[in-house]
N, C-alpha and C. Protein backbone atom coordinates (compact mmCIF):
# COMPACT_ATOMS: atom_id res chain seq x y z
N MET A 1 210.54 -8.87 141.40
CA MET A 1 211.01 -9.33 139.67
C MET A 1 209.84 -8.66 139.09
N GLU A 2 210.49 -7.73 138.30
CA GLU A 2 209.54 -6.78 137.11
C GLU A 2 209.79 -7.28 135.88
N ALA A 3 208.34 -7.36 135.29
CA ALA A 3 207.76 -8.13 133.84
C ALA A 3 208.94 -8.00 132.88
N LEU A 4 209.76 -7.28 133.00
CA LEU A 4 210.99 -6.92 131.94
C LEU A 4 211.90 -7.87 132.00
N GLU A 5 211.68 -8.56 133.34
CA GLU A 5 212.80 -9.44 133.56
C GLU A 5 212.74 -10.74 133.37
N ILE A 6 211.26 -10.97 133.05
CA ILE A 6 210.60 -12.64 133.00
C ILE A 6 210.64 -13.24 131.55
N MET A 7 210.60 -14.44 131.38
CA MET A 7 210.59 -15.01 130.63
C MET A 7 210.74 -14.78 128.72
N GLU A 8 212.35 -14.90 129.48
CA GLU A 8 213.22 -14.32 128.31
C GLU A 8 213.04 -15.66 126.88
N THR A 9 213.91 -15.78 125.91
CA THR A 9 213.72 -16.30 124.95
C THR A 9 214.32 -18.05 126.00
N VAL A 10 213.84 -19.33 125.25
CA VAL A 10 214.79 -20.21 126.12
C VAL A 10 214.54 -21.18 124.87
N LYS A 11 215.65 -21.79 124.69
CA LYS A 11 216.21 -22.95 123.84
C LYS A 11 215.40 -24.22 123.98
N THR A 12 216.28 -24.43 125.04
CA THR A 12 215.40 -25.93 125.57
C THR A 12 214.31 -26.20 126.52
N CYS A 13 213.81 -27.15 126.58
CA CYS A 13 212.62 -27.39 127.75
C CYS A 13 212.97 -29.14 127.93
N PRO A 14 213.33 -29.36 129.10
CA PRO A 14 213.22 -30.99 129.11
C PRO A 14 211.92 -31.54 129.04
N ASP A 15 211.69 -30.46 130.08
CA ASP A 15 209.88 -31.14 131.10
C ASP A 15 209.21 -29.73 130.99
N VAL A 16 208.44 -30.11 129.92
CA VAL A 16 207.37 -28.61 129.65
C VAL A 16 206.32 -28.54 130.65
N ILE A 17 206.41 -29.78 132.16
CA ILE A 17 205.90 -29.15 133.11
C ILE A 17 206.65 -28.08 133.97
N ASP A 18 207.65 -28.62 134.18
CA ASP A 18 208.82 -27.80 134.38
C ASP A 18 208.88 -26.04 134.13
N CYS A 19 208.46 -26.50 132.53
CA CYS A 19 209.05 -24.96 131.70
C CYS A 19 207.76 -23.79 132.20
N ILE A 20 206.49 -24.73 132.51
CA ILE A 20 204.94 -24.24 132.98
C ILE A 20 205.33 -23.41 134.05
N ALA A 21 205.53 -24.26 134.92
CA ALA A 21 205.65 -24.20 136.46
C ALA A 21 206.68 -22.71 136.48
N ASP A 22 207.62 -22.88 136.03
CA ASP A 22 208.72 -21.63 136.10
C ASP A 22 208.35 -20.54 135.44
N ASP A 23 207.61 -20.54 134.36
CA ASP A 23 206.93 -19.33 134.26
C ASP A 23 205.32 -18.92 134.64
N HIS A 24 204.45 -19.84 135.67
CA HIS A 24 203.90 -19.26 136.34
C HIS A 24 204.00 -18.24 137.43
N GLU A 25 205.45 -19.11 138.23
CA GLU A 25 206.37 -18.37 139.29
C GLU A 25 206.29 -16.76 138.78
N SER A 26 207.27 -16.74 137.79
CA SER A 26 207.66 -15.23 136.62
C SER A 26 206.28 -14.52 136.63
N MET A 27 205.18 -14.91 136.54
CA MET A 27 203.73 -14.22 136.34
C MET A 27 203.27 -13.95 137.48
N LEU A 28 203.55 -14.96 138.58
CA LEU A 28 202.63 -14.76 139.82
C LEU A 28 203.48 -13.56 140.89
N SER A 29 204.80 -13.27 140.14
CA SER A 29 205.53 -12.58 141.55
C SER A 29 205.46 -10.66 140.26
N VAL A 30 204.94 -11.12 139.14
CA VAL A 30 204.43 -9.71 137.99
C VAL A 30 203.04 -9.52 138.85
N VAL A 31 202.68 -10.10 138.96
CA VAL A 31 200.38 -10.06 139.81
C VAL A 31 200.53 -9.21 141.07
N ARG A 32 201.15 -10.03 141.69
CA ARG A 32 202.14 -9.92 143.27
C ARG A 32 202.23 -7.75 142.97
N ARG A 33 202.92 -7.59 142.56
CA ARG A 33 203.97 -6.64 142.04
C ARG A 33 202.64 -4.95 141.83
N LEU A 34 201.87 -6.19 140.90
CA LEU A 34 200.95 -4.66 140.39
C LEU A 34 199.58 -5.09 141.74
N GLN A 35 199.75 -4.98 141.99
CA GLN A 35 198.18 -5.17 143.39
C GLN A 35 199.15 -4.73 144.37
N GLU A 36 200.90 -4.28 144.21
CA GLU A 36 200.81 -3.63 145.55
C GLU A 36 200.11 -2.06 145.51
N PRO A 37 199.51 -2.24 147.18
CA PRO A 37 199.27 -0.58 146.68
C PRO A 37 199.70 0.41 147.25
N ASN A 38 200.76 0.90 146.94
CA ASN A 38 201.78 1.66 146.99
C ASN A 38 202.36 2.25 146.08
N LEU A 39 202.31 0.67 145.09
CA LEU A 39 203.32 1.16 143.76
C LEU A 39 202.61 2.41 142.83
N GLU A 40 202.94 3.67 142.58
CA GLU A 40 202.70 4.73 142.13
C GLU A 40 202.01 3.38 140.50
N ILE A 41 200.64 4.50 140.05
CA ILE A 41 199.92 3.94 138.49
C ILE A 41 200.73 4.30 137.77
N SER A 42 201.48 5.03 137.34
CA SER A 42 202.39 5.23 136.41
C SER A 42 202.76 3.54 136.64
N ARG A 43 203.89 2.95 137.20
CA ARG A 43 204.37 2.21 137.35
C ARG A 43 203.97 0.79 137.04
N LYS A 44 202.75 0.94 137.44
CA LYS A 44 201.65 -0.35 136.99
C LYS A 44 201.57 -0.24 135.60
N ARG A 45 201.02 0.42 135.69
CA ARG A 45 200.93 0.50 133.56
C ARG A 45 201.99 0.64 132.85
N ALA A 46 203.63 0.95 133.11
CA ALA A 46 203.98 0.20 132.44
C ALA A 46 204.65 -1.13 132.75
N ILE A 47 204.53 -1.41 133.79
CA ILE A 47 204.49 -3.05 133.92
C ILE A 47 203.69 -3.96 133.42
N PHE A 48 202.12 -3.44 133.42
CA PHE A 48 201.03 -3.87 132.74
C PHE A 48 201.52 -4.34 131.11
N LYS A 49 202.25 -3.56 130.67
CA LYS A 49 202.68 -2.87 129.24
C LYS A 49 203.61 -3.98 128.95
N ARG A 50 203.91 -4.33 129.72
CA ARG A 50 205.48 -5.16 128.90
C ARG A 50 204.89 -6.31 129.31
N PHE A 51 204.16 -6.53 130.28
CA PHE A 51 203.71 -8.14 131.05
C PHE A 51 202.66 -8.60 129.80
N LEU A 52 201.82 -8.00 129.11
CA LEU A 52 200.18 -8.58 128.20
C LEU A 52 201.20 -9.61 127.93
N PRO A 53 202.21 -8.87 126.80
CA PRO A 53 203.00 -9.69 125.70
C PRO A 53 202.90 -10.99 126.33
N LEU A 54 203.68 -11.08 127.22
CA LEU A 54 204.72 -12.08 127.93
C LEU A 54 203.12 -13.16 127.77
N TYR A 55 202.43 -12.36 129.21
CA TYR A 55 201.22 -13.41 129.16
C TYR A 55 200.56 -13.56 128.42
N GLU A 56 200.02 -13.22 126.79
CA GLU A 56 199.79 -13.99 126.03
C GLU A 56 199.77 -15.19 125.11
N ALA A 57 201.50 -14.72 124.92
CA ALA A 57 202.18 -15.96 124.39
C ALA A 57 202.81 -17.10 125.33
N HIS A 58 202.64 -17.02 126.53
CA HIS A 58 202.42 -18.14 127.78
C HIS A 58 201.20 -18.81 127.35
N SER A 59 199.97 -17.96 127.44
CA SER A 59 198.51 -18.60 126.93
C SER A 59 198.51 -18.85 126.02
N HIS A 60 198.94 -18.92 124.81
CA HIS A 60 198.71 -19.05 123.50
C HIS A 60 199.25 -20.71 123.94
N ALA A 61 200.85 -20.69 123.92
CA ALA A 61 201.61 -21.58 123.83
C ALA A 61 201.19 -23.09 125.35
N GLU A 62 200.62 -22.87 125.98
CA GLU A 62 199.59 -23.92 126.68
C GLU A 62 199.13 -24.07 125.73
N GLU A 63 197.63 -23.65 125.52
CA GLU A 63 196.70 -24.27 124.77
C GLU A 63 197.06 -25.35 123.48
N ILE A 64 198.34 -24.54 122.87
CA ILE A 64 198.65 -25.57 121.69
C ILE A 64 199.70 -26.83 122.13
N SER A 65 199.75 -26.62 123.08
CA SER A 65 200.91 -28.18 123.63
C SER A 65 199.99 -28.59 124.76
N VAL A 66 199.82 -28.28 126.31
CA VAL A 66 199.79 -29.37 127.19
C VAL A 66 197.82 -29.46 126.99
N MET A 67 197.54 -28.19 127.09
CA MET A 67 195.75 -28.10 126.72
C MET A 67 195.39 -29.23 125.72
N GLU A 68 195.77 -28.85 125.05
CA GLU A 68 195.62 -29.81 123.42
C GLU A 68 195.82 -31.00 123.82
N GLU A 69 196.70 -31.57 123.97
CA GLU A 69 197.03 -32.87 124.21
C GLU A 69 196.22 -33.43 125.05
N GLY A 70 196.45 -32.67 126.23
CA GLY A 70 195.30 -33.09 127.61
C GLY A 70 194.30 -33.48 127.53
N LEU A 71 193.59 -32.60 126.33
CA LEU A 71 192.22 -33.39 125.86
C LEU A 71 191.73 -34.27 125.76
N GLN A 72 192.56 -35.08 125.41
CA GLN A 72 192.75 -36.60 124.86
C GLN A 72 192.41 -37.62 125.72
N HIS A 73 193.24 -37.13 127.12
CA HIS A 73 192.83 -38.13 128.16
C HIS A 73 191.74 -37.25 129.16
N ASP A 74 191.39 -38.66 129.51
CA ASP A 74 190.01 -38.41 130.20
C ASP A 74 190.63 -37.87 131.17
N SER A 75 191.48 -38.48 132.06
CA SER A 75 191.66 -37.94 133.53
C SER A 75 191.87 -36.85 133.52
N LEU A 76 192.28 -36.18 132.57
CA LEU A 76 192.91 -34.33 132.65
C LEU A 76 191.69 -33.61 132.15
N ARG A 77 190.80 -34.18 131.54
CA ARG A 77 189.73 -33.13 130.37
C ARG A 77 188.95 -32.25 131.39
N PRO A 78 188.49 -32.47 132.71
CA PRO A 78 187.93 -31.61 133.31
C PRO A 78 188.80 -30.57 133.47
N ALA A 79 189.78 -30.04 134.13
CA ALA A 79 191.06 -29.59 134.73
C ALA A 79 191.41 -28.40 132.89
N ILE A 80 191.50 -29.22 131.93
CA ILE A 80 191.62 -28.80 131.20
C ILE A 80 190.99 -27.82 130.51
N LEU A 81 189.47 -28.15 131.01
CA LEU A 81 188.26 -27.24 130.10
C LEU A 81 188.31 -26.06 131.50
N ASP A 82 188.49 -26.27 132.68
CA ASP A 82 188.56 -25.08 133.49
C ASP A 82 189.68 -24.35 132.97
N CYS A 83 190.64 -24.99 132.89
CA CYS A 83 191.87 -24.15 132.20
C CYS A 83 191.76 -22.97 131.61
N LEU A 84 190.90 -23.16 129.68
CA LEU A 84 190.25 -22.80 129.05
C LEU A 84 189.48 -21.48 128.99
N GLU A 85 188.64 -22.67 130.34
CA GLU A 85 187.65 -21.43 130.68
C GLU A 85 188.68 -19.78 131.37
N ALA A 86 189.36 -20.08 132.01
CA ALA A 86 190.12 -19.37 132.68
C ALA A 86 190.39 -18.55 131.99
N HIS A 87 191.16 -19.23 130.96
CA HIS A 87 191.62 -18.44 129.38
C HIS A 87 190.54 -17.62 129.14
N GLU A 88 189.94 -18.17 128.61
CA GLU A 88 188.57 -16.88 127.99
C GLU A 88 188.39 -15.92 129.59
N VAL A 89 187.85 -15.98 130.16
CA VAL A 89 187.28 -15.13 130.91
C VAL A 89 188.73 -13.85 131.72
N SER A 90 190.09 -14.22 131.25
CA SER A 90 190.95 -13.45 131.12
C SER A 90 190.75 -12.64 130.42
N ASP A 91 190.54 -13.08 128.56
CA ASP A 91 190.49 -12.36 127.42
C ASP A 91 189.15 -11.05 127.76
N ILE A 92 188.27 -11.35 128.52
CA ILE A 92 187.19 -10.74 128.51
C ILE A 92 187.59 -9.94 129.35
N LEU A 93 188.77 -9.83 130.47
CA LEU A 93 188.58 -8.50 131.20
C LEU A 93 189.94 -7.89 130.80
N LEU A 94 190.78 -8.53 129.86
CA LEU A 94 191.79 -7.30 128.98
C LEU A 94 191.37 -6.76 127.69
N ALA A 95 189.93 -7.19 127.76
CA ALA A 95 189.37 -6.37 126.70
C ALA A 95 188.86 -5.10 127.58
N ARG A 96 188.59 -5.12 128.74
CA ARG A 96 187.73 -4.22 129.35
C ARG A 96 188.45 -3.24 129.85
N ILE A 97 189.86 -3.85 130.41
CA ILE A 97 191.09 -3.19 131.25
C ILE A 97 191.86 -2.21 129.85
N ARG A 98 191.30 -2.61 127.92
CA ARG A 98 192.34 -1.74 127.40
C ARG A 98 190.74 -0.82 127.11
N LEU A 99 189.93 -0.65 128.07
CA LEU A 99 188.83 0.09 127.19
C LEU A 99 188.60 0.76 128.59
N ALA A 100 189.62 1.09 129.79
CA ALA A 100 189.23 1.84 130.85
C ALA A 100 189.24 3.02 130.52
N VAL A 101 188.47 4.44 131.35
CA VAL A 101 188.55 5.61 130.77
C VAL A 101 189.39 6.36 131.73
N ASP A 102 189.55 5.53 132.90
CA ASP A 102 190.45 6.53 133.41
C ASP A 102 191.71 5.84 134.62
N ASN A 103 192.13 5.86 135.09
CA ASN A 103 193.04 5.62 136.41
C ASN A 103 192.73 4.67 137.32
N GLU A 104 191.61 5.08 137.52
CA GLU A 104 190.57 4.41 138.63
C GLU A 104 190.02 3.06 137.84
N GLN A 105 189.77 3.34 137.17
CA GLN A 105 188.50 2.06 136.38
C GLN A 105 189.59 1.11 135.89
N TRP A 106 190.66 1.95 135.42
CA TRP A 106 191.81 0.90 135.04
C TRP A 106 192.43 0.25 135.78
N MET A 107 192.82 0.91 137.56
CA MET A 107 192.94 -0.11 138.11
C MET A 107 192.07 -1.20 138.87
N ALA A 108 190.88 -0.66 139.01
CA ALA A 108 190.22 -1.64 139.22
C ALA A 108 189.79 -3.04 138.32
N ARG A 109 190.17 -2.27 136.89
CA ARG A 109 189.90 -3.56 136.25
C ARG A 109 191.34 -5.03 136.37
N VAL A 110 192.18 -3.74 136.50
CA VAL A 110 193.73 -4.72 137.05
C VAL A 110 193.54 -5.41 137.53
N ASN A 111 193.04 -5.09 138.64
CA ASN A 111 193.28 -5.68 140.16
C ASN A 111 191.69 -7.13 140.07
N SER A 112 190.94 -7.11 139.24
CA SER A 112 189.97 -7.91 138.86
C SER A 112 190.66 -9.10 138.02
N PHE A 113 191.82 -9.10 137.08
CA PHE A 113 192.33 -9.43 136.44
C PHE A 113 193.29 -10.32 137.42
N CYS A 114 194.20 -9.27 137.69
CA CYS A 114 195.20 -10.26 138.67
C CYS A 114 194.54 -11.65 139.48
N THR A 115 193.81 -10.94 140.53
CA THR A 115 192.62 -11.60 141.26
C THR A 115 192.71 -12.89 140.62
N LEU A 116 191.68 -12.68 138.89
CA LEU A 116 191.95 -14.49 138.28
C LEU A 116 193.25 -15.01 138.43
N ILE A 117 194.23 -13.70 137.77
CA ILE A 117 195.28 -15.15 137.33
C ILE A 117 196.01 -15.20 138.50
N ALA A 118 196.19 -15.01 139.40
CA ALA A 118 196.78 -15.22 140.64
C ALA A 118 196.23 -16.83 141.70
N HIS A 119 194.71 -16.67 141.39
CA HIS A 119 193.65 -18.03 141.82
C HIS A 119 194.37 -19.40 140.42
N HIS A 120 194.22 -18.42 139.18
CA HIS A 120 194.22 -19.93 138.32
C HIS A 120 195.53 -20.41 138.24
N LEU A 121 197.09 -19.74 138.48
CA LEU A 121 198.28 -19.72 138.46
C LEU A 121 198.37 -20.75 140.40
N LYS A 122 197.77 -20.48 141.05
CA LYS A 122 198.05 -21.64 142.00
C LYS A 122 197.64 -22.63 141.82
N HIS A 123 195.86 -22.76 141.47
CA HIS A 123 195.61 -24.01 141.48
C HIS A 123 196.20 -24.85 140.30
N ASP A 124 196.70 -24.00 139.58
CA ASP A 124 197.76 -25.05 138.34
C ASP A 124 198.29 -25.86 139.30
N ARG A 125 199.65 -25.29 140.11
CA ARG A 125 200.83 -25.43 140.78
C ARG A 125 200.04 -26.53 141.87
N ASN A 126 199.08 -26.41 142.30
CA ASN A 126 198.42 -27.59 143.17
C ASN A 126 198.19 -28.97 142.45
N GLU A 127 196.82 -28.70 141.63
CA GLU A 127 196.40 -29.36 141.28
C GLU A 127 197.18 -29.74 139.68
N THR A 128 196.53 -28.97 138.84
CA THR A 128 196.93 -29.88 136.84
C THR A 128 198.11 -30.27 136.66
N LEU A 129 198.47 -29.06 136.96
CA LEU A 129 200.31 -29.35 136.74
C LEU A 129 200.69 -30.36 137.08
N PRO A 130 200.80 -31.17 138.90
CA PRO A 130 200.43 -32.85 139.09
C PRO A 130 200.03 -33.32 138.58
N ALA A 131 198.70 -33.25 137.45
CA ALA A 131 197.81 -34.14 137.24
C ALA A 131 198.39 -34.14 136.08
N MET A 132 198.87 -33.43 135.30
CA MET A 132 199.87 -33.86 133.88
C MET A 132 200.96 -34.25 134.35
N ARG A 133 201.40 -33.81 134.69
CA ARG A 133 203.17 -34.54 135.35
C ARG A 133 202.92 -36.02 135.26
N ALA A 134 201.89 -36.83 136.05
CA ALA A 134 201.49 -38.32 135.91
C ALA A 134 200.71 -38.84 134.72
N ALA A 135 200.04 -37.79 134.26
CA ALA A 135 199.47 -38.34 132.96
C ALA A 135 200.17 -38.59 131.98
N PHE A 136 201.36 -37.25 131.50
CA PHE A 136 201.88 -37.69 129.86
C PHE A 136 203.42 -38.75 130.99
N THR A 137 204.00 -39.10 129.88
CA THR A 137 205.39 -40.02 130.19
C THR A 137 205.71 -38.94 129.83
N GLN A 138 207.39 -39.18 129.78
CA GLN A 138 208.41 -38.34 129.95
C GLN A 138 209.05 -38.04 128.69
N ASP A 139 208.67 -38.89 127.80
CA ASP A 139 208.95 -38.19 126.28
C ASP A 139 207.68 -37.26 125.84
N GLU A 140 206.39 -37.75 126.26
CA GLU A 140 205.56 -36.78 125.63
C GLU A 140 206.05 -35.79 126.73
N ARG A 141 206.43 -35.53 127.59
CA ARG A 141 206.77 -34.16 128.47
C ARG A 141 207.86 -33.50 127.54
N GLU A 142 208.53 -34.02 127.12
CA GLU A 142 209.71 -33.60 126.17
C GLU A 142 209.03 -32.89 125.39
N MET A 143 208.54 -33.73 124.30
CA MET A 143 208.12 -33.12 122.76
C MET A 143 206.97 -32.42 122.79
N LEU A 144 206.02 -31.92 124.35
CA LEU A 144 205.64 -30.78 124.29
C LEU A 144 206.01 -29.71 124.76
N GLY A 145 207.15 -30.35 125.91
CA GLY A 145 207.59 -28.99 125.92
C GLY A 145 208.69 -27.78 124.90
N ARG A 146 209.09 -29.03 124.03
CA ARG A 146 208.99 -28.43 122.61
C ARG A 146 208.18 -27.51 121.86
N ARG A 147 206.85 -28.00 122.13
CA ARG A 147 206.39 -27.51 121.05
C ARG A 147 205.31 -25.85 122.26
N TYR A 148 205.69 -26.28 123.56
CA TYR A 148 205.55 -25.24 124.31
C TYR A 148 206.36 -24.09 124.26
N LEU A 149 207.63 -24.56 124.03
CA LEU A 149 208.65 -23.05 123.74
C LEU A 149 208.45 -22.84 122.65
N ALA A 150 208.07 -23.01 121.56
CA ALA A 150 207.67 -23.05 120.03
C ALA A 150 206.66 -22.14 119.74
N GLY A 151 206.19 -22.33 120.46
CA GLY A 151 204.68 -21.33 120.74
C GLY A 151 204.68 -19.86 121.64
N ARG A 152 205.51 -20.28 122.72
CA ARG A 152 205.83 -19.14 123.46
C ARG A 152 207.01 -17.99 122.82
N ASN A 153 208.15 -18.53 122.46
CA ASN A 153 208.51 -17.85 121.99
C ASN A 153 208.52 -16.87 120.62
N ASN A 154 207.89 -17.84 119.34
CA ASN A 154 207.57 -17.33 118.44
C ASN A 154 205.85 -16.97 118.37
N HIS A 155 205.07 -16.50 119.26
CA HIS A 155 204.05 -16.30 119.02
C HIS A 155 203.62 -14.45 119.06
N ARG A 156 203.23 -14.21 117.68
CA ARG A 156 203.02 -12.68 117.99
C ARG A 156 201.82 -12.16 118.26
N VAL A 157 202.06 -11.10 119.25
CA VAL A 157 200.52 -10.48 119.86
C VAL A 157 200.05 -8.88 119.34
N LEU A 158 199.02 -8.80 119.77
CA LEU A 158 198.75 -7.57 119.71
C LEU A 158 199.41 -6.49 120.39
N PRO A 159 199.66 -5.50 120.53
CA PRO A 159 200.33 -4.94 120.98
C PRO A 159 199.04 -4.06 122.66
N ALA A 160 199.47 -3.97 123.72
CA ALA A 160 198.68 -3.30 124.59
C ALA A 160 198.46 -2.21 124.82
N LEU A 161 196.72 -2.59 123.73
CA LEU A 161 196.10 -1.22 123.06
C LEU A 161 195.46 -0.56 124.13
N GLU A 162 195.60 0.83 124.21
CA GLU A 162 194.79 1.70 125.53
C GLU A 162 194.45 3.10 124.75
N LEU A 163 192.78 2.38 123.93
CA LEU A 163 191.59 3.32 123.80
C LEU A 163 191.60 4.68 124.50
N ALA A 164 191.45 4.72 125.72
CA ALA A 164 191.17 5.94 126.00
C ALA A 164 192.01 6.00 127.61
N PRO A 165 193.66 6.95 127.20
CA PRO A 165 194.54 6.61 128.41
C PRO A 165 194.32 7.63 129.03
N ALA A 166 193.72 8.70 129.23
CA ALA A 166 192.99 10.21 130.05
C ALA A 166 191.71 10.31 129.60
N PRO A 167 191.21 11.23 130.71
CA PRO A 167 189.71 11.16 130.58
C PRO A 167 189.60 12.66 129.23
N THR A 168 190.79 13.29 129.18
CA THR A 168 190.76 14.25 128.46
C THR A 168 190.45 13.98 126.82
N SER A 169 191.62 13.22 126.61
CA SER A 169 191.26 12.55 125.81
C SER A 169 190.27 12.04 124.83
N ILE A 170 189.29 11.69 125.90
CA ILE A 170 187.89 11.05 125.27
C ILE A 170 187.04 11.95 124.72
N LEU A 171 187.24 13.26 125.35
CA LEU A 171 186.78 14.50 125.13
C LEU A 171 186.88 14.83 123.68
N TYR A 172 188.15 15.07 123.47
CA TYR A 172 188.42 15.89 122.10
C TYR A 172 189.09 14.82 121.27
N ASP A 173 189.56 13.44 121.56
CA ASP A 173 190.38 12.28 120.12
C ASP A 173 189.29 12.67 119.15
N GLN A 174 189.65 12.43 117.87
CA GLN A 174 188.73 12.79 116.69
C GLN A 174 189.49 11.65 115.73
N THR A 175 189.97 10.41 116.66
CA THR A 175 189.72 9.02 115.61
C THR A 175 188.94 8.44 116.18
N GLY A 176 188.21 8.51 116.81
CA GLY A 176 186.42 8.20 116.69
C GLY A 176 186.69 7.29 118.28
N LYS A 177 187.47 7.33 119.00
CA LYS A 177 187.54 6.48 120.06
C LYS A 177 186.15 6.63 121.03
N VAL A 178 185.72 8.17 120.71
CA VAL A 178 184.26 7.99 121.72
C VAL A 178 183.33 7.10 121.02
N GLY A 179 183.11 6.90 120.03
CA GLY A 179 182.90 5.90 119.52
C GLY A 179 182.53 4.41 120.17
N TYR A 180 183.93 4.22 119.72
CA TYR A 180 183.97 2.92 120.54
C TYR A 180 183.99 2.35 121.65
N LEU A 181 184.18 3.42 122.88
CA LEU A 181 183.33 3.73 123.82
C LEU A 181 181.45 3.27 123.97
N ILE A 182 181.37 4.47 123.46
CA ILE A 182 179.73 4.16 123.22
C ILE A 182 178.91 2.54 122.84
N ALA A 183 180.05 2.11 121.85
CA ALA A 183 179.63 1.08 120.70
C ALA A 183 179.66 -0.23 121.70
N TRP A 184 180.22 0.25 122.71
CA TRP A 184 181.16 -1.05 123.75
C TRP A 184 179.52 -0.85 124.96
N ALA A 185 179.63 0.07 125.18
CA ALA A 185 178.36 0.49 126.53
C ALA A 185 176.87 -0.65 125.96
N LEU A 186 176.88 -0.22 124.63
CA LEU A 186 175.59 -0.61 124.20
C LEU A 186 175.63 -1.57 123.65
N GLY A 187 176.69 -2.63 123.99
CA GLY A 187 176.64 -4.08 124.10
C GLY A 187 177.31 -4.85 123.08
N VAL A 188 177.94 -4.28 122.24
CA VAL A 188 178.55 -4.79 120.84
C VAL A 188 179.78 -5.36 121.64
N PRO A 189 179.97 -6.59 121.01
CA PRO A 189 181.02 -7.29 121.69
C PRO A 189 182.74 -6.70 121.41
N ALA A 190 183.59 -6.92 122.09
CA ALA A 190 184.78 -6.06 122.55
C ALA A 190 185.66 -6.94 121.43
N TRP A 191 185.70 -7.94 121.27
CA TRP A 191 186.30 -8.65 119.97
C TRP A 191 186.41 -7.78 118.72
N ILE A 192 184.88 -7.72 118.24
CA ILE A 192 184.23 -6.63 117.04
C ILE A 192 184.81 -4.80 117.53
N LEU A 193 184.87 -4.68 118.02
CA LEU A 193 185.53 -3.42 118.09
C LEU A 193 186.47 -3.28 118.03
N LEU A 194 187.16 -4.49 118.81
CA LEU A 194 189.56 -4.38 118.77
C LEU A 194 189.15 -4.77 117.32
N LEU A 195 188.22 -5.52 116.58
CA LEU A 195 188.73 -5.59 115.06
C LEU A 195 188.87 -4.37 114.18
N VAL A 196 187.77 -3.43 114.43
CA VAL A 196 186.95 -2.56 113.95
C VAL A 196 188.29 -1.55 114.20
N PHE A 197 188.62 -1.85 115.38
CA PHE A 197 189.93 -0.83 115.59
C PHE A 197 190.99 -0.82 114.60
N LEU A 198 191.48 -2.65 115.04
CA LEU A 198 192.80 -2.53 114.31
C LEU A 198 192.73 -2.38 112.45
N VAL A 199 191.71 -2.39 112.40
CA VAL A 199 191.26 -2.16 110.67
C VAL A 199 191.34 -0.63 110.29
N ARG A 200 190.91 -0.14 111.31
CA ARG A 200 190.64 1.31 110.95
C ARG A 200 192.00 2.28 111.39
N GLY A 201 192.47 1.60 112.16
CA GLY A 201 193.56 2.92 113.10
C GLY A 201 193.10 3.64 114.28
C-alpha cells in the first residue's frame, strides 16, 4: 500500500483505539515500503513526501486526544511519556532528513526514522493501545475518537522541506541554503533554522 492511499478523511470513529490502530497499520505498511532495498530512491522520496504530512497530522491528533487524556491516568502515564519521547526523537530525525545533502545521507536518515517508527508502532500495538483500551471507558473512547479525528483531519502541517535536494544545488544555490547547513553543522538547533527558513523563504 502506498502512502497516497492511506489515512483518508474519516467522519466517524466509534472507538479511538480502533482508529489509531488502523492508522498505525497503514503507516507501518508505508515504513516497510520505504525500507525495501530494491525500490529506487526517486520512488522512496515521492512516497516519503506524501507520507510525512499524514504522519505529522496523526502524531498531532494522538497528542491532543489519547496522550493528553492518558496523562491523567496513573496506570497510563509511563507509557504516554514514552510515546511523547518517541515523537520528540522522530521530530529530531525529520529535521535531519530535511537537511540531508545527498541521496545517500537522505536514505540513511530515512532508514533511522523508519526503524524508530516501526519499533514505536509495534510497541503501541502490543502494549500501549491495549492498556488504553482497558483504562478508558467506552464513552471516553468515543469522545476521544471524535477529538482524534478532528485533530487528524484538520491539522495543517508544514510542507516536507528539502533544503538541499542535490549536491550541485548546495554549491551554487543563491538563496542561502549553504548558510543553513553551516549553521546546523555548528550546532544551531534545527527548529531555529526551520523558523528562519520559513521567515526568509
